[in-house]
Amino acid sequence: MYELVAEHLENGTPVAQIESILREKGIAPDVASSMVSDMLKTRAAMLREEGGRNMLQGALWCIGGILVTAMTYNMASEGDTYIVTWGAIVFGAIQFFRGLGQSATPETRV
């Protein structure tokens, strides 16, 4: 039954409708509500965990890009060229802020 709840949540079915579907299948109203609530909490926790990983990886890419840029700039003599790793910096920043948004996911979504 939890798979059914997860499928409906993934498809954007409103919580009240999911609970109604469960009641039609013979699930008690309080159990149906509890099942949906549990699934929402589980999904939010998973999203926050994924957000934490994205924040860490994004920060590492961004800081690594800044460090490589700073090191090559410091090693270059006047008039020499140096490497600006803008791709790593921008990619890392985007991934970090995406993870920040995921980490701020509310406990439940109706």
Protein backbone atom coordinates (compact mmCIF):
# COMPACT_ATOMS: atom_id res chain seq x y z
CA MET A 1 0.00 0.00 0.00
CA TYR A 2 2.92 2.34 0.68
CA GLU A 3 3.97 1.88 -2.94
CA LEU A 4 0.53 3.08 -4.01
CA VAL A 5 0.85 6.13 -1.76
CA ALA A 6 4.33 6.88 -3.12
CA GLU A 7 3.14 6.56 -6.72
CA HIS A 8 0.24 8.94 -6.15
CA LEU A 9 2.46 11.46 -4.36
CA GLU A 10 4.96 11.30 -7.22
CA ASN A 11 2.14 12.00 -9.68
CA GLY A 12 1.00 15.03 -7.69
CA THR A 13 -2.26 13.57 -6.40
CA PRO A 14 -3.62 15.68 -3.52
CA VAL A 15 -3.28 14.16 -0.04
CA ALA A 16 -7.04 14.12 0.56
CA GLN A 17 -7.58 12.17 -2.65
CA ILE A 18 -4.88 9.64 -1.74
CA GLU A 19 -6.49 9.11 1.65
CA SER A 20 -9.85 8.63 -0.07
CA ILE A 21 -8.35 6.02 -2.42
CA LEU A 22 -6.92 4.15 0.56
CA ARG A 23 -10.26 4.24 2.38
CA GLU A 24 -11.93 2.82 -0.75
CA LYS A 25 -9.47 -0.09 -0.54
CA GLY A 26 -10.62 -0.84 3.01
CA ILE A 27 -8.00 1.05 4.99
CA ALA A 28 -9.29 2.76 8.15
CA PRO A 29 -9.32 6.57 7.88
CA ASP A 30 -6.79 7.10 10.69
CA VAL A 31 -4.46 4.45 9.20
CA ALA A 32 -4.79 5.99 5.72
CA SER A 33 -3.92 9.42 7.10
CA SER A 34 -0.97 7.98 9.00
CA MET A 35 0.32 6.17 5.89
CA VAL A 36 0.26 9.34 3.80
CA SER A 37 1.85 11.36 6.59
CA ASP A 38 4.62 8.78 7.05
CA MET A 39 5.35 8.74 3.33
CA LEU A 40 5.50 12.55 3.17
CA LYS A 41 7.95 12.62 6.08
CA THR A 42 10.09 9.91 4.50
CA ARG A 43 10.20 11.70 1.13
CA ALA A 44 11.07 15.02 2.80
CA ALA A 45 13.88 13.39 4.80
CA MET A 46 15.29 11.78 1.67
CA LEU A 47 15.17 15.08 -0.19
CA ARG A 48 16.93 16.88 2.67
CA GLU A 49 19.62 14.19 2.74
CA GLU A 50 20.14 14.52 -1.00
CA GLY A 51 20.27 18.29 -0.56
CA GLY A 52 23.06 17.95 1.99
CA ARG A 53 25.09 15.86 -0.45
CA ASN A 54 24.51 18.37 -3.25
CA MET A 55 25.58 21.23 -0.99
CA LEU A 56 28.80 19.45 -0.04
CA GLN A 57 29.68 18.46 -3.60
CA GLY A 58 28.81 21.91 -4.91
CA ALA A 59 30.93 23.61 -2.28
CA LEU A 60 33.88 21.33 -3.08
CA TRP A 61 33.62 22.07 -6.84
CA CYS A 62 33.31 25.80 -6.26
CA ILE A 63 36.13 26.04 -3.72
CA GLY A 64 38.33 23.76 -5.82
CA GLY A 65 37.74 25.97 -8.86
CA ILE A 66 38.57 29.10 -6.88
CA LEU A 67 41.74 27.49 -5.50
CA VAL A 68 42.97 26.38 -8.94
CA THR A 69 42.28 29.86 -10.32
CA ALA A 70 44.08 31.52 -7.40
CA MET A 71 47.07 29.18 -7.62
CA THR A 72 47.57 29.64 -11.36
CA TYR A 73 47.13 33.41 -10.98
CA ASN A 74 49.77 33.55 -8.25
CA MET A 75 52.20 31.39 -10.26
CA ALA A 76 51.86 33.53 -13.38
CA SER A 77 54.41 36.27 -13.89
CA GLU A 78 53.32 39.69 -15.04
CA GLY A 79 51.95 39.35 -18.55
CA ASP A 80 51.67 35.54 -18.36
CA THR A 81 48.41 33.69 -18.71
CA TYR A 82 46.61 31.80 -15.99
CA ILE A 83 43.63 29.47 -15.79
CA VAL A 84 40.22 30.66 -14.68
CA THR A 85 38.18 27.58 -13.83
CA TRP A 86 34.87 29.33 -14.20
CA GLY A 87 33.06 26.11 -15.13
CA ALA A 88 33.87 24.44 -11.81
CA ILE A 89 33.04 27.61 -9.89
CA VAL A 90 29.68 28.17 -11.58
CA PHE A 91 28.72 24.47 -11.60
CA GLY A 92 29.62 24.18 -7.92
CA ALA A 93 27.65 27.27 -6.97
CA ILE A 94 24.58 26.06 -8.86
CA GLN A 95 24.78 22.62 -7.27
CA PHE A 96 25.28 24.16 -3.83
CA PHE A 97 22.22 26.37 -4.09
CA ARG A 98 20.14 23.53 -5.54
CA GLY A 99 21.11 21.47 -2.49
CA LEU A 100 20.28 24.36 -0.21
CA GLY A 101 16.80 24.47 -1.70
CA GLN A 102 16.40 20.73 -1.24
CA SER A 103 17.57 20.92 2.37
CA ALA A 104 14.95 23.56 3.13
CA THR A 105 12.12 21.26 1.99
CA PRO A 106 9.21 21.41 4.43
CA GLU A 107 8.22 18.27 6.33
CA THR A 108 5.00 17.78 4.37
CA ARG A 109 3.62 19.00 1.09
CA VAL A 110 -0.12 19.14 0.53
